Amino acid sequence: MAMFPALMNDTMFSDLFDDPFFAGWRDAADEGRQLAAAQSGSLMNTDVRETDHGYEVTMDMPGFNKDDINVELKDGYLTVSAHRNDSKEDKDKEGKWLRRERYAGTCSRTFYVGDDMKESDIHASYKDGTLHLQMPKQEAKAQVEQAHRIAIEG
């Protein structure tokens, strides 16, 4: 066990629990680490830009293939989800895994885009780990005039 901080880890003591003594505890915590990876800062970061004609949404989806990503419109909500499978085997053909930090599982983001938005209005493309969505602005509906009190004469 090394008592030096790892150069690329977050904390000074993150390698402390890599000792074989803690192996059972470490294996039981794998699901917690996968959940933390799903919530990491680099997964599904989203930028939304308003233009003269509509909105542009840019979403970071590093490591996903185009076929892993699903974009769905339902009841005015646009949901972007992605799923990545990963083998949970400790060994593969080339050796034993000592540490695995890559995310495997499902993640999603949902945005309200309006009840009048149609599937054909939304254009999506995926390039270099970034999902690009373009959608038009919805015309503002005339608001119902508020009730006014009418004076009664007499």
Protein backbone atom coordinates (compact mmCIF):
# COMPACT_ATOMS: atom_id res chain seq x y z
CA MET A 1 0.00 0.00 0.00
CA ALA A 2 1.42 3.37 -1.01
CA MET A 3 1.27 6.12 1.58
CA PHE A 4 1.72 8.85 -1.06
CA PRO A 5 -1.21 10.74 -2.50
CA ALA A 6 -2.02 9.70 -6.04
CA LEU A 7 -1.26 12.41 -8.57
CA MET A 8 -4.60 12.30 -10.37
CA ASN A 9 -7.00 11.59 -7.45
CA ASP A 10 -9.21 14.02 -5.59
CA THR A 11 -7.95 13.50 -2.06
CA MET A 12 -4.71 12.66 -0.35
CA PHE A 13 -6.07 9.45 1.20
CA SER A 14 -8.08 8.05 -1.72
CA ASP A 15 -5.57 5.18 -2.19
CA LEU A 16 -5.64 4.25 1.51
CA PHE A 17 -8.55 1.86 1.01
CA ASP A 18 -6.92 0.12 -1.98
CA ASP A 19 -5.18 -2.18 0.49
CA PRO A 20 -6.39 -5.83 0.14
CA PHE A 21 -7.64 -5.64 3.75
CA PHE A 22 -10.52 -3.44 2.56
CA ALA A 23 -11.40 -5.53 -0.54
CA GLY A 24 -14.81 -6.74 0.70
CA TRP A 25 -15.85 -3.25 1.76
CA ARG A 26 -14.66 -1.83 -1.56
CA ASP A 27 -16.63 -4.37 -3.62
CA ALA A 28 -19.82 -3.63 -1.65
CA ALA A 29 -19.42 0.08 -2.37
CA ASP A 30 -19.17 -0.33 -6.17
CA GLU A 31 -22.79 0.67 -6.73
CA GLY A 32 -22.28 3.86 -4.74
CA ARG A 33 -19.28 4.79 -6.87
CA GLN A 34 -21.25 4.18 -10.06
CA LEU A 35 -24.00 6.50 -8.80
CA ALA A 36 -21.40 9.13 -7.96
CA ALA A 37 -19.94 8.78 -11.44
CA ALA A 38 -23.38 9.38 -12.94
CA GLN A 39 -23.59 12.61 -11.03
CA SER A 40 -20.10 13.71 -11.95
CA GLY A 41 -19.55 17.13 -13.41
CA SER A 42 -18.61 15.92 -16.89
CA LEU A 43 -21.71 13.86 -17.64
CA MET A 44 -24.58 15.53 -19.50
CA ASN A 45 -23.46 19.11 -18.94
CA THR A 46 -25.93 21.22 -20.90
CA ASP A 47 -25.85 24.65 -22.54
CA VAL A 48 -29.06 26.27 -23.83
CA ARG A 49 -28.80 29.22 -26.22
CA GLU A 50 -31.67 31.38 -27.45
CA THR A 51 -31.35 32.57 -31.04
CA ASP A 52 -33.62 34.72 -33.22
CA HIS A 53 -35.32 31.61 -34.62
CA GLY A 54 -35.31 29.17 -31.74
CA TYR A 55 -33.20 27.40 -29.17
CA GLU A 56 -29.97 25.45 -29.44
CA VAL A 57 -29.19 22.85 -26.80
CA THR A 58 -25.67 21.41 -26.56
CA MET A 59 -25.15 18.47 -24.22
CA ASP A 60 -21.86 16.74 -23.36
CA MET A 61 -22.24 12.96 -23.66
CA PRO A 62 -18.64 11.70 -23.51
CA GLY A 63 -18.06 8.03 -24.17
CA PHE A 64 -21.55 7.28 -25.49
CA ASN A 65 -22.24 6.01 -28.99
CA LYS A 66 -25.06 7.52 -31.06
CA ASP A 67 -27.05 4.29 -30.66
CA ASP A 68 -26.82 4.55 -26.84
CA ILE A 69 -28.68 7.89 -26.80
CA ASN A 70 -32.47 8.30 -26.86
CA VAL A 71 -34.31 11.61 -27.33
CA GLU A 72 -38.04 11.49 -26.59
CA LEU A 73 -40.81 14.11 -26.61
CA LYS A 74 -43.87 13.39 -24.48
CA ASP A 75 -46.52 15.77 -23.11
CA GLY A 76 -44.34 18.82 -23.72
CA TYR A 77 -41.27 17.35 -22.00
CA LEU A 78 -38.10 16.55 -23.94
CA THR A 79 -36.11 13.74 -22.31
CA VAL A 80 -32.57 12.87 -23.29
CA SER A 81 -31.38 9.55 -21.90
CA ALA A 82 -28.36 7.36 -22.48
CA HIS A 83 -27.37 3.87 -21.45
CA ARG A 84 -23.94 2.27 -21.44
CA ASN A 85 -23.35 -1.38 -20.61
CA ASP A 86 -20.22 -2.56 -18.93
CA SER A 87 -19.08 -5.98 -17.90
CA LYS A 88 -18.89 -6.43 -14.13
CA GLU A 89 -16.34 -9.19 -14.51
CA ASP A 90 -13.18 -8.88 -12.44
CA LYS A 91 -11.14 -10.43 -15.25
CA ASP A 92 -11.17 -10.34 -19.01
CA LYS A 93 -9.02 -11.99 -21.69
CA GLU A 94 -6.16 -9.59 -21.10
CA GLY A 95 -5.95 -9.53 -17.30
CA LYS A 96 -7.52 -8.57 -14.01
CA TRP A 97 -9.01 -5.12 -13.42
CA LEU A 98 -7.40 -3.34 -10.46
CA ARG A 99 -9.46 -0.16 -10.69
CA ARG A 100 -12.42 0.84 -12.90
CA GLU A 101 -13.69 4.41 -12.88
CA ARG A 102 -15.65 4.54 -16.12
CA TYR A 103 -19.36 5.06 -15.83
CA ALA A 104 -21.75 2.26 -16.76
CA GLY A 105 -25.50 2.60 -16.40
CA THR A 106 -28.27 5.01 -17.36
CA CYS A 107 -28.49 8.78 -17.11
CA SER A 108 -31.13 11.26 -18.28
CA ARG A 109 -32.13 14.92 -18.35
CA THR A 110 -35.64 16.32 -18.93
CA PHE A 111 -36.63 19.77 -20.18
CA TYR A 112 -40.05 21.37 -20.59
CA VAL A 113 -40.33 22.61 -24.19
CA GLY A 114 -44.05 23.37 -24.39
CA ASP A 115 -47.17 21.39 -25.18
CA ASP A 116 -47.26 22.62 -28.80
CA MET A 117 -43.79 21.32 -29.70
CA LYS A 118 -43.88 18.49 -32.25
CA GLU A 119 -41.35 15.73 -32.78
CA SER A 120 -40.79 16.96 -36.34
CA ASP A 121 -39.81 20.42 -35.03
CA ILE A 122 -36.79 19.10 -33.13
CA HIS A 123 -33.55 18.35 -35.00
CA ALA A 124 -30.79 16.36 -33.32
CA SER A 125 -27.20 15.52 -34.26
CA TYR A 126 -24.34 13.83 -32.41
CA LYS A 127 -20.67 14.49 -33.08
CA ASP A 128 -17.47 14.10 -31.04
CA GLY A 129 -19.29 13.22 -27.79
CA THR A 130 -21.66 16.20 -27.97
CA LEU A 131 -25.39 16.06 -28.67
CA HIS A 132 -26.81 19.10 -30.51
CA LEU A 133 -30.54 19.85 -30.50
CA GLN A 134 -32.28 22.66 -32.38
CA MET A 135 -35.91 23.59 -31.83
CA PRO A 136 -38.03 26.56 -32.89
CA LYS A 137 -39.49 29.13 -30.55
CA GLN A 138 -43.13 28.60 -29.80
CA GLU A 139 -45.47 31.46 -30.56
CA ALA A 140 -46.75 33.07 -27.40
CA LYS A 141 -50.40 32.34 -26.78
CA ALA A 142 -52.66 35.26 -26.04
CA GLN A 143 -53.21 35.33 -22.33
CA VAL A 144 -56.72 35.27 -21.01
CA GLU A 145 -57.64 38.70 -19.78
CA GLN A 146 -57.99 38.95 -16.05
CA ALA A 147 -61.47 39.38 -14.59
CA HIS A 148 -62.47 43.01 -14.06
CA ARG A 149 -65.19 44.18 -11.76
CA ILE A 150 -68.06 45.90 -13.53
CA ALA A 151 -69.76 48.72 -11.70
CA ILE A 152 -73.53 48.51 -11.34
CA GLU A 153 -75.41 51.75 -11.78
CA GLY A 154 -78.49 52.80 -9.86
